[in-house]
Amino acid sequence: MKRRALYGLLGLLSLLGFVGGFTQERGFLAFFAFAVDFSHFFQRKDEMVVDYMNRSAALGFYWGMAATGITAAGTFFLGGQGGYEALVTGLAAGWAVAVVVHALAELFYVPRERWGLAHDPE
């Protein structure tokens, strides 16, 4: 499967936003932000865009892992939560941080490269 399809399939996570629309769990509405990833099906990619996507994914992963550890330790030792609750809180915070960092890094890298591709003479 091509990377273009893999990046575009991240948009399927936006379907989880309908859970927030049809139930009282409004936190799921944030998943609609993944709909922007469907645009990867229609973009021309070169090796720099793929490199920037990989770089932003790595940044998101590392920041997410750091947030998981810090949040889990903080809620366990300082917040007084039990081990299971602290781990779940850490995992949720780490996942949220990873998604936000990846999105912001992609927002920084990819439009800059797209502008260069649009003005490419080839």
PDB file of N, CA and C in Angstrom:
ATOM      1  N   MET A   1       0.851  -1.171   0.000  1.00  0.00           N
ATOM      2  CA  MET A   1       0.000   0.000   0.000  1.00  0.00           C
ATOM      3  C   MET A   1       0.899   1.237   0.000  1.00  0.00           C
ATOM      4  N   LYS A   2       0.547   2.188  -0.803  1.00  0.00           N
ATOM      5  CA  LYS A   2       1.343   3.406  -0.887  1.00  0.00           C
ATOM      6  C   LYS A   2       1.170   4.251   0.372  1.00  0.00           C
ATOM      7  N   ARG A   3       2.207   5.033   0.649  1.00  0.00           N
ATOM      8  CA  ARG A   3       2.144   5.897   1.834  1.00  0.00           C
ATOM      9  C   ARG A   3       1.026   6.920   1.713  1.00  0.00           C
ATOM     10  N   ARG A   4       0.737   7.343   0.498  1.00  0.00           N
ATOM     11  CA  ARG A   4      -0.345   8.314   0.311  1.00  0.00           C
ATOM     12  C   ARG A   4      -1.650   7.750   0.871  1.00  0.00           C
ATOM     13  N   ALA A   5      -1.880   6.473   0.602  1.00  0.00           N
ATOM     14  CA  ALA A   5      -3.098   5.848   1.102  1.00  0.00           C
ATOM     15  C   ALA A   5      -3.051   5.707   2.616  1.00  0.00           C
ATOM     16  N   LEU A   6      -1.888   5.369   3.154  1.00  0.00           N
ATOM     17  CA  LEU A   6      -1.785   5.231   4.608  1.00  0.00           C
ATOM     18  C   LEU A   6      -2.031   6.555   5.310  1.00  0.00           C
ATOM     19  N   TYR A   7      -1.453   7.631   4.789  1.00  0.00           N
ATOM     20  CA  TYR A   7      -1.678   8.944   5.391  1.00  0.00           C
ATOM     21  C   TYR A   7      -3.148   9.337   5.258  1.00  0.00           C
ATOM     22  N   GLY A   8      -3.750   9.051   4.129  1.00  0.00           N
ATOM     23  CA  GLY A   8      -5.150   9.397   3.921  1.00  0.00           C
ATOM     24  C   GLY A   8      -6.099   8.590   4.777  1.00  0.00           C
ATOM     25  N   LEU A   9      -5.734   7.330   5.052  1.00  0.00           N
ATOM     26  CA  LEU A   9      -6.604   6.488   5.865  1.00  0.00           C
ATOM     27  C   LEU A   9      -6.684   6.948   7.319  1.00  0.00           C
ATOM     28  N   LEU A  10      -5.749   7.805   7.741  1.00  0.00           N
ATOM     29  CA  LEU A  10      -5.878   8.387   9.078  1.00  0.00           C
ATOM     30  C   LEU A  10      -7.169   9.188   9.198  1.00  0.00           C
ATOM     31  N   GLY A  11      -7.693   9.634   8.073  1.00  0.00           N
ATOM     32  CA  GLY A  11      -8.949  10.375   8.086  1.00  0.00           C
ATOM     33  C   GLY A  11     -10.124   9.546   8.571  1.00  0.00           C
ATOM     34  N   LEU A  12      -9.993   8.217   8.517  1.00  0.00           N
ATOM     35  CA  LEU A  12     -11.081   7.367   9.002  1.00  0.00           C
ATOM     36  C   LEU A  12     -11.302   7.533  10.507  1.00  0.00           C
ATOM     37  N   LEU A  13     -10.282   8.009  11.212  1.00  0.00           N
ATOM     38  CA  LEU A  13     -10.473   8.277  12.638  1.00  0.00           C
ATOM     39  C   LEU A  13     -11.516   9.361  12.869  1.00  0.00           C
ATOM     40  N   SER A  14     -11.757  10.187  11.859  1.00  0.00           N
ATOM     41  CA  SER A  14     -12.759  11.240  12.020  1.00  0.00           C
ATOM     42  C   SER A  14     -14.158  10.657  12.192  1.00  0.00           C
ATOM     43  N   LEU A  15     -14.369   9.420  11.780  1.00  0.00           N
ATOM     44  CA  LEU A  15     -15.680   8.798  11.955  1.00  0.00           C
ATOM     45  C   LEU A  15     -16.040   8.619  13.425  1.00  0.00           C
ATOM     46  N   LEU A  16     -15.037   8.559  14.286  1.00  0.00           N
ATOM     47  CA  LEU A  16     -15.316   8.481  15.722  1.00  0.00           C
ATOM     48  C   LEU A  16     -15.984   9.748  16.241  1.00  0.00           C
ATOM     49  N   GLY A  17     -15.898  10.835  15.499  1.00  0.00           N
ATOM     50  CA  GLY A  17     -16.568  12.066  15.892  1.00  0.00           C
ATOM     51  C   GLY A  17     -18.077  11.921  15.939  1.00  0.00           C
ATOM     52  N   PHE A  18     -18.618  10.992  15.150  1.00  0.00           N
ATOM     53  CA  PHE A  18     -20.061  10.780  15.160  1.00  0.00           C
ATOM     54  C   PHE A  18     -20.540  10.212  16.492  1.00  0.00           C
ATOM     55  N   VAL A  19     -19.661   9.537  17.227  1.00  0.00           N
ATOM     56  CA  VAL A  19     -20.031   9.064  18.557  1.00  0.00           C
ATOM     57  C   VAL A  19     -20.393  10.260  19.431  1.00  0.00           C
ATOM     58  N   GLY A  20     -19.624  11.330  19.331  1.00  0.00           N
ATOM     59  CA  GLY A  20     -19.919  12.536  20.099  1.00  0.00           C
ATOM     60  C   GLY A  20     -21.165  13.240  19.618  1.00  0.00           C
ATOM     61  N   GLY A  21     -21.489  13.077  18.343  1.00  0.00           N
ATOM     62  CA  GLY A  21     -22.685  13.720  17.813  1.00  0.00           C
ATOM     63  C   GLY A  21     -23.967  13.010  18.192  1.00  0.00           C
ATOM     64  N   PHE A  22     -23.894  11.686  18.339  1.00  0.00           N
ATOM     65  CA  PHE A  22     -25.104  10.911  18.614  1.00  0.00           C
ATOM     66  C   PHE A  22     -25.262  10.522  20.080  1.00  0.00           C
ATOM     67  N   THR A  23     -24.246  10.779  20.896  1.00  0.00           N
ATOM     68  CA  THR A  23     -24.329  10.480  22.324  1.00  0.00           C
ATOM     69  C   THR A  23     -24.003  11.744  23.107  1.00  0.00           C
ATOM     70  N   GLN A  24     -23.968  11.616  24.399  1.00  0.00           N
ATOM     71  CA  GLN A  24     -23.631  12.751  25.260  1.00  0.00           C
ATOM     72  C   GLN A  24     -22.133  12.865  25.511  1.00  0.00           C
ATOM     73  N   GLU A  25     -21.341  11.992  24.917  1.00  0.00           N
ATOM     74  CA  GLU A  25     -19.887  12.012  25.082  1.00  0.00           C
ATOM     75  C   GLU A  25     -19.288  13.007  24.099  1.00  0.00           C
ATOM     76  N   ARG A  26     -19.266  14.281  24.469  1.00  0.00           N
ATOM     77  CA  ARG A  26     -18.837  15.346  23.559  1.00  0.00           C
ATOM     78  C   ARG A  26     -17.335  15.345  23.291  1.00  0.00           C
ATOM     79  N   GLY A  27     -16.555  14.646  24.088  1.00  0.00           N
ATOM     80  CA  GLY A  27     -15.114  14.568  23.862  1.00  0.00           C
ATOM     81  C   GLY A  27     -14.765  13.911  22.527  1.00  0.00           C
ATOM     82  N   PHE A  28     -15.657  13.074  22.019  1.00  0.00           N
ATOM     83  CA  PHE A  28     -15.412  12.408  20.744  1.00  0.00           C
ATOM     84  C   PHE A  28     -15.494  13.370  19.558  1.00  0.00           C
ATOM     85  N   LEU A  29     -16.077  14.528  19.744  1.00  0.00           N
ATOM     86  CA  LEU A  29     -16.181  15.493  18.650  1.00  0.00           C
ATOM     87  C   LEU A  29     -14.813  15.945  18.163  1.00  0.00           C
ATOM     88  N   ALA A  30     -13.804  15.846  19.012  1.00  0.00           N
ATOM     89  CA  ALA A  30     -12.455  16.239  18.608  1.00  0.00           C
ATOM     90  C   ALA A  30     -11.905  15.350  17.495  1.00  0.00           C
ATOM     91  N   PHE A  31     -12.436  14.160  17.334  1.00  0.00           N
ATOM     92  CA  PHE A  31     -11.966  13.262  16.280  1.00  0.00           C
ATOM     93  C   PHE A  31     -12.283  13.792  14.886  1.00  0.00           C
ATOM     94  N   PHE A  32     -13.224  14.714  14.775  1.00  0.00           N
ATOM     95  CA  PHE A  32     -13.510  15.297  13.461  1.00  0.00           C
ATOM     96  C   PHE A  32     -12.294  16.025  12.887  1.00  0.00           C
ATOM     97  N   ALA A  33     -11.341  16.374  13.717  1.00  0.00           N
ATOM     98  CA  ALA A  33     -10.121  17.038  13.240  1.00  0.00           C
ATOM     99  C   ALA A  33      -9.315  16.136  12.309  1.00  0.00           C
ATOM    100  N   PHE A  34      -9.476  14.828  12.417  1.00  0.00           N
ATOM    101  CA  PHE A  34      -8.749  13.914  11.548  1.00  0.00           C
ATOM    102  C   PHE A  34      -9.264  13.930  10.107  1.00  0.00           C
ATOM    103  N   ALA A  35     -10.391  14.577   9.851  1.00  0.00           N
ATOM    104  CA  ALA A  35     -10.926  14.631   8.488  1.00  0.00           C
ATOM    105  C   ALA A  35      -9.955  15.322   7.539  1.00  0.00           C
ATOM    106  N   VAL A  36      -9.115  16.187   8.050  1.00  0.00           N
ATOM    107  CA  VAL A  36      -8.137  16.884   7.209  1.00  0.00           C
ATOM    108  C   VAL A  36      -7.157  15.903   6.577  1.00  0.00           C
ATOM    109  N   ASP A  37      -6.967  14.736   7.174  1.00  0.00           N
ATOM    110  CA  ASP A  37      -6.034  13.755   6.628  1.00  0.00           C
ATOM    111  C   ASP A  37      -6.526  13.130   5.327  1.00  0.00           C
ATOM    112  N   PHE A  38      -7.798  13.253   5.010  1.00  0.00           N
ATOM    113  CA  PHE A  38      -8.287  12.763   3.717  1.00  0.00           C
ATOM    114  C   PHE A  38      -7.634  13.517   2.559  1.00  0.00           C
ATOM    115  N   SER A  39      -7.132  14.707   2.825  1.00  0.00           N
ATOM    116  CA  SER A  39      -6.501  15.491   1.756  1.00  0.00           C
ATOM    117  C   SER A  39      -5.243  14.823   1.221  1.00  0.00           C
ATOM    118  N   HIS A  40      -4.656  13.906   1.975  1.00  0.00           N
ATOM    119  CA  HIS A  40      -3.445  13.227   1.505  1.00  0.00           C
ATOM    120  C   HIS A  40      -3.712  12.327   0.302  1.00  0.00           C
ATOM    121  N   PHE A  41      -4.964  11.943   0.081  1.00  0.00           N
ATOM    122  CA  PHE A  41      -5.290  11.152  -1.109  1.00  0.00           C
ATOM    123  C   PHE A  41      -5.107  11.966  -2.397  1.00  0.00           C
ATOM    124  N   PHE A  42      -5.174  13.293  -2.299  1.00  0.00           N
ATOM    125  CA  PHE A  42      -5.201  14.142  -3.479  1.00  0.00           C
ATOM    126  C   PHE A  42      -3.963  15.001  -3.651  1.00  0.00           C
ATOM    127  N   GLN A  43      -2.933  14.767  -2.866  1.00  0.00           N
ATOM    128  CA  GLN A  43      -1.736  15.600  -2.936  1.00  0.00           C
ATOM    129  C   GLN A  43      -0.610  14.873  -3.641  1.00  0.00           C
ATOM    130  N   ARG A  44       0.157  15.650  -4.368  1.00  0.00           N
ATOM    131  CA  ARG A  44       1.363  15.118  -4.992  1.00  0.00           C
ATOM    132  C   ARG A  44       2.458  15.074  -3.935  1.00  0.00           C
ATOM    133  N   LYS A  45       3.092  13.936  -3.809  1.00  0.00           N
ATOM    134  CA  LYS A  45       4.118  13.781  -2.786  1.00  0.00           C
ATOM    135  C   LYS A  45       5.488  13.629  -3.445  1.00  0.00           C
ATOM    136  N   ASP A  46       6.489  14.167  -2.797  1.00  0.00           N
ATOM    137  CA  ASP A  46       7.862  13.885  -3.183  1.00  0.00           C
ATOM    138  C   ASP A  46       8.574  13.404  -1.923  1.00  0.00           C
ATOM    139  N   GLU A  47       9.859  13.145  -2.059  1.00  0.00           N
ATOM    140  CA  GLU A  47      10.581  12.568  -0.920  1.00  0.00           C
ATOM    141  C   GLU A  47      10.677  13.524   0.257  1.00  0.00           C
ATOM    142  N   MET A  48      10.634  14.829   0.008  1.00  0.00           N
ATOM    143  CA  MET A  48      10.709  15.778   1.121  1.00  0.00           C
ATOM    144  C   MET A  48       9.411  15.799   1.926  1.00  0.00           C
ATOM    145  N   VAL A  49       8.277  15.694   1.265  1.00  0.00           N
ATOM    146  CA  VAL A  49       7.007  15.663   1.994  1.00  0.00           C
ATOM    147  C   VAL A  49       6.947  14.416   2.856  1.00  0.00           C
ATOM    148  N   VAL A  50       7.369  13.288   2.298  1.00  0.00           N
ATOM    149  CA  VAL A  50       7.375  12.048   3.065  1.00  0.00           C
ATOM    150  C   VAL A  50       8.344  12.167   4.242  1.00  0.00           C
ATOM    151  N   ASP A  51       9.495  12.781   4.010  1.00  0.00           N
ATOM    152  CA  ASP A  51      10.455  12.984   5.099  1.00  0.00           C
ATOM    153  C   ASP A  51       9.865  13.883   6.182  1.00  0.00           C
ATOM    154  N   TYR A  52       9.172  14.936   5.794  1.00  0.00           N
ATOM    155  CA  TYR A  52       8.549  15.826   6.773  1.00  0.00           C
ATOM    156  C   TYR A  52       7.432  15.112   7.544  1.00  0.00           C
ATOM    157  N   MET A  53       6.672  14.275   6.862  1.00  0.00           N
ATOM    158  CA  MET A  53       5.622  13.512   7.542  1.00  0.00           C
ATOM    159  C   MET A  53       6.240  12.549   8.554  1.00  0.00           C
ATOM    160  N   ASN A  54       7.319  11.887   8.156  1.00  0.00           N
ATOM    161  CA  ASN A  54       7.990  10.974   9.084  1.00  0.00           C
ATOM    162  C   ASN A  54       8.585  11.734  10.264  1.00  0.00           C
ATOM    163  N   ARG A  55       9.132  12.900  10.001  1.00  0.00           N
ATOM    164  CA  ARG A  55       9.714  13.714  11.070  1.00  0.00           C
ATOM    165  C   ARG A  55       8.638  14.171  12.047  1.00  0.00           C
ATOM    166  N   SER A  56       7.495  14.595  11.530  1.00  0.00           N
ATOM    167  CA  SER A  56       6.428  15.043  12.425  1.00  0.00           C
ATOM    168  C   SER A  56       5.836  13.872  13.206  1.00  0.00           C
ATOM    169  N   ALA A  57       5.774  12.695  12.595  1.00  0.00           N
ATOM    170  CA  ALA A  57       5.287  11.521  13.328  1.00  0.00           C
ATOM    171  C   ALA A  57       6.254  11.134  14.441  1.00  0.00           C
ATOM    172  N   ALA A  58       7.553  11.214  14.162  1.00  0.00           N
ATOM    173  CA  ALA A  58       8.541  10.891  15.197  1.00  0.00           C
ATOM    174  C   ALA A  58       8.476  11.891  16.345  1.00  0.00           C
ATOM    175  N   LEU A  59       8.330  13.171  16.025  1.00  0.00           N
ATOM    176  CA  LEU A  59       8.188  14.175  17.086  1.00  0.00           C
ATOM    177  C   LEU A  59       6.962  13.900  17.949  1.00  0.00           C
ATOM    178  N   GLY A  60       5.858  13.574  17.290  1.00  0.00           N
ATOM    179  CA  GLY A  60       4.636  13.259  18.024  1.00  0.00           C
ATOM    180  C   GLY A  60       4.808  12.048  18.920  1.00  0.00           C
ATOM    181  N   PHE A  61       5.496  11.021  18.415  1.00  0.00           N
ATOM    182  CA  PHE A  61       5.716   9.819  19.210  1.00  0.00           C
ATOM    183  C   PHE A  61       6.550  10.115  20.449  1.00  0.00           C
ATOM    184  N   TYR A  62       7.666  10.809  20.270  1.00  0.00           N
ATOM    185  CA  TYR A  62       8.552  11.065  21.404  1.00  0.00           C
ATOM    186  C   TYR A  62       7.901  11.969  22.452  1.00  0.00           C
ATOM    187  N   TRP A  63       7.228  13.015  22.003  1.00  0.00           N
ATOM    188  CA  TRP A  63       6.541  13.895  22.950  1.00  0.00           C
ATOM    189  C   TRP A  63       5.394  13.159  23.635  1.00  0.00           C
ATOM    190  N   GLY A  64       4.709  12.290  22.917  1.00  0.00           N
ATOM    191  CA  GLY A  64       3.627  11.511  23.517  1.00  0.00           C
ATOM    192  C   GLY A  64       4.125  10.546  24.575  1.00  0.00           C
ATOM    193  N   MET A  65       5.250   9.894  24.297  1.00  0.00           N
ATOM    194  CA  MET A  65       5.811   8.979  25.294  1.00  0.00           C
ATOM    195  C   MET A  65       6.274   9.738  26.536  1.00  0.00           C
ATOM    196  N   ALA A  66       6.883  10.900  26.334  1.00  0.00           N
ATOM    197  CA  ALA A  66       7.312  11.705  27.481  1.00  0.00           C
ATOM    198  C   ALA A  66       6.103  12.156  28.302  1.00  0.00           C
ATOM    199  N   ALA A  67       5.045  12.576  27.618  1.00  0.00           N
ATOM    200  CA  ALA A  67       3.839  13.022  28.332  1.00  0.00           C
ATOM    201  C   ALA A  67       3.179  11.865  29.067  1.00  0.00           C
ATOM    202  N   THR A  68       3.231  10.671  28.486  1.00  0.00           N
ATOM    203  CA  THR A  68       2.656   9.502  29.161  1.00  0.00           C
ATOM    204  C   THR A  68       3.372   9.235  30.477  1.00  0.00           C
ATOM    205  N   GLY A  69       4.688   9.207  30.426  1.00  0.00           N
ATOM    206  CA  GLY A  69       5.451   8.938  31.642  1.00  0.00           C
ATOM    207  C   GLY A  69       5.297  10.013  32.688  1.00  0.00           C
ATOM    208  N   ILE A  70       5.384  11.256  32.269  1.00  0.00           N
ATOM    209  CA  ILE A  70       5.286  12.372  33.224  1.00  0.00           C
ATOM    210  C   ILE A  70       3.899  12.439  33.844  1.00  0.00           C
ATOM    211  N   THR A  71       2.872  12.286  33.017  1.00  0.00           N
ATOM    212  CA  THR A  71       1.503  12.370  33.537  1.00  0.00           C
ATOM    213  C   THR A  71       1.184  11.191  34.450  1.00  0.00           C
ATOM    214  N   ALA A  72       1.590   9.993  34.047  1.00  0.00           N
ATOM    215  CA  ALA A  72       1.314   8.821  34.882  1.00  0.00           C
ATOM    216  C   ALA A  72       2.040   8.933  36.217  1.00  0.00           C
ATOM    217  N   ALA A  73       3.302   9.324  36.193  1.00  0.00           N
ATOM    218  CA  ALA A  73       4.048   9.468  37.447  1.00  0.00           C
ATOM    219  C   ALA A  73       3.473  10.594  38.303  1.00  0.00           C
ATOM    220  N   GLY A  74       3.124  11.706  37.657  1.00  0.00           N
ATOM    221  CA  GLY A  74       2.574  12.833  38.408  1.00  0.00           C
ATOM    222  C   GLY A  74       1.247  12.521  39.058  1.00  0.00           C
ATOM    223  N   THR A  75       0.361  11.855  38.323  1.00  0.00           N
ATOM    224  CA  THR A  75      -0.942  11.535  38.911  1.00  0.00           C
ATOM    225  C   THR A  75      -0.834  10.433  39.955  1.00  0.00           C
ATOM    226  N   PHE A  76       0.162   9.571  39.841  1.00  0.00           N
ATOM    227  CA  PHE A  76       0.331   8.522  40.838  1.00  0.00           C
ATOM    228  C   PHE A  76       0.936   9.082  42.125  1.00  0.00           C
ATOM    229  N   PHE A  77       2.039   9.821  41.977  1.00  0.00           N
ATOM    230  CA  PHE A  77       2.739  10.300  43.171  1.00  0.00           C
ATOM    231  C   PHE A  77       2.142  11.586  43.747  1.00  0.00           C
ATOM    232  N   LEU A  78       1.757  12.499  42.892  1.00  0.00           N
ATOM    233  CA  LEU A  78       1.265  13.787  43.375  1.00  0.00           C
ATOM    234  C   LEU A  78      -0.255  13.854  43.442  1.00  0.00           C
ATOM    235  N   GLY A  79      -0.927  13.176  42.520  1.00  0.00           N
ATOM    236  CA  GLY A  79      -2.380  13.248  42.470  1.00  0.00           C
ATOM    237  C   GLY A  79      -3.079  12.235  43.352  1.00  0.00           C
ATOM    238  N   GLY A  80      -2.338  11.237  43.821  1.00  0.00           N
ATOM    239  CA  GLY A  80      -2.939  10.256  44.713  1.00  0.00           C
ATOM    240  C   GLY A  80      -3.829   9.237  44.025  1.00  0.00           C
ATOM    241  N   GLN A  81      -3.733   9.111  42.704  1.00  0.00           N
ATOM    242  CA  GLN A  81      -4.531   8.109  42.008  1.00  0.00           C
ATOM    243  C   GLN A  81      -3.876   6.738  42.165  1.00  0.00           C
ATOM    244  N   GLY A  82      -4.688   5.706  42.018  1.00  0.00           N
ATOM    245  CA  GLY A  82      -4.162   4.350  42.041  1.00  0.00           C
ATOM    246  C   GLY A  82      -3.362   4.072  40.782  1.00  0.00           C
ATOM    247  N   GLY A  83      -2.669   2.949  40.751  1.00  0.00           N
ATOM    248  CA  GLY A  83      -1.805   2.619  39.625  1.00  0.00           C
ATOM    249  C   GLY A  83      -2.550   2.529  38.302  1.00  0.00           C
ATOM    250  N   TYR A  84      -3.708   1.867  38.292  1.00  0.00           N
ATOM    251  CA  TYR A  84      -4.471   1.708  37.057  1.00  0.00           C
ATOM    252  C   TYR A  84      -4.993   3.050  36.549  1.00  0.00           C
ATOM    253  N   GLU A  85      -5.564   3.842  37.438  1.00  0.00           N
ATOM    254  CA  GLU A  85      -6.108   5.145  37.044  1.00  0.00           C
ATOM    255  C   GLU A  85      -5.005   6.076  36.560  1.00  0.00           C
ATOM    256  N   ALA A  86      -3.849   6.031  37.216  1.00  0.00           N
ATOM    257  CA  ALA A  86      -2.730   6.873  36.796  1.00  0.00           C
ATOM    258  C   ALA A  86      -2.222   6.462  35.426  1.00  0.00           C
ATOM    259  N   LEU A  87      -2.175   5.152  35.169  1.00  0.00           N
ATOM    260  CA  LEU A  87      -1.731   4.675  33.862  1.00  0.00           C
ATOM    261  C   LEU A  87      -2.706   5.072  32.759  1.00  0.00           C
ATOM    262  N   VAL A  88      -3.984   4.934  33.019  1.00  0.00           N
ATOM    263  CA  VAL A  88      -4.987   5.318  32.019  1.00  0.00           C
ATOM    264  C   VAL A  88      -4.937   6.819  31.753  1.00  0.00           C
ATOM    265  N   THR A  89      -4.784   7.599  32.805  1.00  0.00           N
ATOM    266  CA  THR A  89      -4.659   9.050  32.633  1.00  0.00           C
ATOM    267  C   THR A  89      -3.407   9.390  31.836  1.00  0.00           C
ATOM    268  N   GLY A  90      -2.305   8.728  32.128  1.00  0.00           N
ATOM    269  CA  GLY A  90      -1.062   8.964  31.391  1.00  0.00           C
ATOM    270  C   GLY A  90      -1.174   8.572  29.932  1.00  0.00           C
ATOM    271  N   LEU A  91      -1.808   7.436  29.654  1.00  0.00           N
ATOM    272  CA  LEU A  91      -1.969   7.004  28.263  1.00  0.00           C
ATOM    273  C   LEU A  91      -2.861   7.965  27.475  1.00  0.00           C
ATOM    274  N   ALA A  92      -3.931   8.424  28.102  1.00  0.00           N
ATOM    275  CA  ALA A  92      -4.817   9.368  27.416  1.00  0.00           C
ATOM    276  C   ALA A  92      -4.108  10.689  27.149  1.00  0.00           C
ATOM    277  N   ALA A  93      -3.381  11.175  28.129  1.00  0.00           N
ATOM    278  CA  ALA A  93      -2.654  12.437  27.946  1.00  0.00           C
ATOM    279  C   ALA A  93      -1.544  12.276  26.912  1.00  0.00           C
ATOM    280  N   GLY A  94      -0.832  11.156  26.948  1.00  0.00           N
ATOM    281  CA  GLY A  94       0.234  10.914  25.978  1.00  0.00           C
ATOM    282  C   GLY A  94      -0.288  10.821  24.562  1.00  0.00           C
ATOM    283  N   TRP A  95      -1.425  10.154  24.383  1.00  0.00           N
ATOM    284  CA  TRP A  95      -1.995  10.048  23.044  1.00  0.00           C
ATOM    285  C   TRP A  95      -2.428  11.421  22.551  1.00  0.00           C
ATOM    286  N   ALA A  96      -3.049  12.203  23.415  1.00  0.00           N
ATOM    287  CA  ALA A  96      -3.496  13.537  23.018  1.00  0.00           C
ATOM    288  C   ALA A  96      -2.306  14.423  22.654  1.00  0.00           C
ATOM    289  N   VAL A  97      -1.249  14.369  23.441  1.00  0.00           N
ATOM    290  CA  VAL A  97      -0.060  15.176  23.147  1.00  0.00           C
ATOM    291  C   VAL A  97       0.574  14.723  21.833  1.00  0.00           C
ATOM    292  N   ALA A  98       0.635  13.415  21.596  1.00  0.00           N
ATOM    293  CA  ALA A  98       1.219  12.904  20.353  1.00  0.00           C
ATOM    294  C   ALA A  98       0.445  13.393  19.138  1.00  0.00           C
ATOM    295  N   VAL A  99      -0.871  13.381  19.216  1.00  0.00           N
ATOM    296  CA  VAL A  99      -1.687  13.832  18.088  1.00  0.00           C
ATOM    297  C   VAL A  99      -1.510  15.326  17.858  1.00  0.00           C
ATOM    298  N   VAL A 100      -1.492  16.101  18.925  1.00  0.00           N
ATOM    299  CA  VAL A 100      -1.355  17.556  18.786  1.00  0.00           C
ATOM    300  C   VAL A 100       0.022  17.919  18.235  1.00  0.00           C
ATOM    301  N   VAL A 101       1.078  17.292  18.747  1.00  0.00           N
ATOM    302  CA  VAL A 101       2.428  17.602  18.271  1.00  0.00           C
ATOM    303  C   VAL A 101       2.589  17.184  16.817  1.00  0.00           C
ATOM    304  N   HIS A 102       2.053  16.018  16.460  1.00  0.00           N
ATOM    305  CA  HIS A 102       2.134  15.580  15.058  1.00  0.00           C
ATOM    306  C   HIS A 102       1.388  16.552  14.148  1.00  0.00           C
ATOM    307  N   ALA A 103       0.196  16.967  14.560  1.00  0.00           N
ATOM    308  CA  ALA A 103      -0.586  17.885  13.736  1.00  0.00           C
ATOM    309  C   ALA A 103       0.107  19.234  13.585  1.00  0.00           C
ATOM    310  N   LEU A 104       0.653  19.749  14.668  1.00  0.00           N
ATOM    311  CA  LEU A 104       1.336  21.046  14.588  1.00  0.00           C
ATOM    312  C   LEU A 104       2.617  20.956  13.762  1.00  0.00           C
ATOM    313  N   ALA A 105       3.359  19.866  13.908  1.00  0.00           N
ATOM    314  CA  ALA A 105       4.574  19.702  13.118  1.00  0.00           C
ATOM    315  C   ALA A 105       4.234  19.543  11.640  1.00  0.00           C
ATOM    316  N   GLU A 106       3.179  18.796  11.350  1.00  0.00           N
ATOM    317  CA  GLU A 106       2.747  18.649   9.959  1.00  0.00           C
ATOM    318  C   GLU A 106       2.271  19.986   9.409  1.00  0.00           C
ATOM    319  N   LEU A 107       1.587  20.756  10.230  1.00  0.00           N
ATOM    320  CA  LEU A 107       1.138  22.084   9.819  1.00  0.00           C
ATOM    321  C   LEU A 107       2.318  23.002   9.539  1.00  0.00           C
ATOM    322  N   PHE A 108       3.414  22.796  10.224  1.00  0.00           N
ATOM    323  CA  PHE A 108       4.604  23.600  10.006  1.00  0.00           C
ATOM    324  C   PHE A 108       5.372  23.159   8.758  1.00  0.00           C
ATOM    325  N   TYR A 109       5.570  21.849   8.596  1.00  0.00           N
ATOM    326  CA  TYR A 109       6.429  21.337   7.527  1.00  0.00           C
ATOM    327  C   TYR A 109       5.738  21.239   6.165  1.00  0.00           C
ATOM    328  N   VAL A 110       4.573  20.623   6.116  1.00  0.00           N
ATOM    329  CA  VAL A 110       3.972  20.240   4.830  1.00  0.00           C
ATOM    330  C   VAL A 110       3.516  21.438   4.001  1.00  0.00           C
ATOM    331  N   PRO A 111       2.837  22.460   4.550  1.00  0.00           N
ATOM    332  CA  PRO A 111       2.453  23.584   3.686  1.00  0.00           C
ATOM    333  C   PRO A 111       3.660  24.300   3.079  1.00  0.00           C
ATOM    334  N   ARG A 112       4.735  24.357   3.827  1.00  0.00           N
ATOM    335  CA  ARG A 112       5.938  24.984   3.300  1.00  0.00           C
ATOM    336  C   ARG A 112       6.460  24.203   2.092  1.00  0.00           C
ATOM    337  N   GLU A 113       6.412  22.876   2.176  1.00  0.00           N
ATOM    338  CA  GLU A 113       6.859  22.051   1.059  1.00  0.00           C
ATOM    339  C   GLU A 113       5.861  22.114  -0.101  1.00  0.00           C
ATOM    340  N   ARG A 114       4.567  22.143   0.209  1.00  0.00           N
ATOM    341  CA  ARG A 114       3.555  22.236  -0.853  1.00  0.00           C
ATOM    342  C   ARG A 114       3.714  23.527  -1.648  1.00  0.00           C
ATOM    343  N   TRP A 115       4.034  24.606  -0.954  1.00  0.00           N
ATOM    344  CA  TRP A 115       4.238  25.860  -1.654  1.00  0.00           C
ATOM    345  C   TRP A 115       5.390  25.726  -2.630  1.00  0.00           C
ATOM    346  N   GLY A 116       6.442  25.026  -2.221  1.00  0.00           N
ATOM    347  CA  GLY A 116       7.571  24.790  -3.114  1.00  0.00           C
ATOM    348  C   GLY A 116       7.200  23.905  -4.284  1.00  0.00           C
ATOM    349  N   LEU A 117       6.354  22.908  -4.074  1.00  0.00           N
ATOM    350  CA  LEU A 117       5.908  22.026  -5.167  1.00  0.00           C
ATOM    351  C   LEU A 117       5.018  22.767  -6.149  1.00  0.00           C
ATOM    352  N   ALA A 118       4.207  23.682  -5.658  1.00  0.00           N
ATOM    353  CA  ALA A 118       3.320  24.428  -6.557  1.00  0.00           C
ATOM    354  C   ALA A 118       4.100  25.350  -7.471  1.00  0.00           C
ATOM    355  N   HIS A 119       5.273  25.780  -7.039  1.00  0.00           N
ATOM    356  CA  HIS A 119       6.077  26.690  -7.847  1.00  0.00           C
ATOM    357  C   HIS A 119       7.263  25.980  -8.493  1.00  0.00           C
ATOM    358  N   ASP A 120       7.180  24.639  -8.550  1.00  0.00           N
ATOM    359  CA  ASP A 120       8.229  23.835  -9.153  1.00  0.00           C
ATOM    360  C   ASP A 120       8.068  23.878 -10.685  1.00  0.00           C
ATOM    361  N   PRO A 121       9.116  24.174 -11.444  1.00  0.00           N
ATOM    362  CA  PRO A 121       8.974  24.273 -12.888  1.00  0.00           C
ATOM    363  C   PRO A 121       8.691  22.943 -13.584  1.00  0.00           C
ATOM    364  N   GLU A 122       8.929  21.819 -12.930  1.00  0.00           N
ATOM    365  CA  GLU A 122       8.706  20.520 -13.584  1.00  0.00           C
ATOM    366  C   GLU A 122       7.290  20.100 -13.520  1.00  0.00           C
TER     367      GLU A 122
END
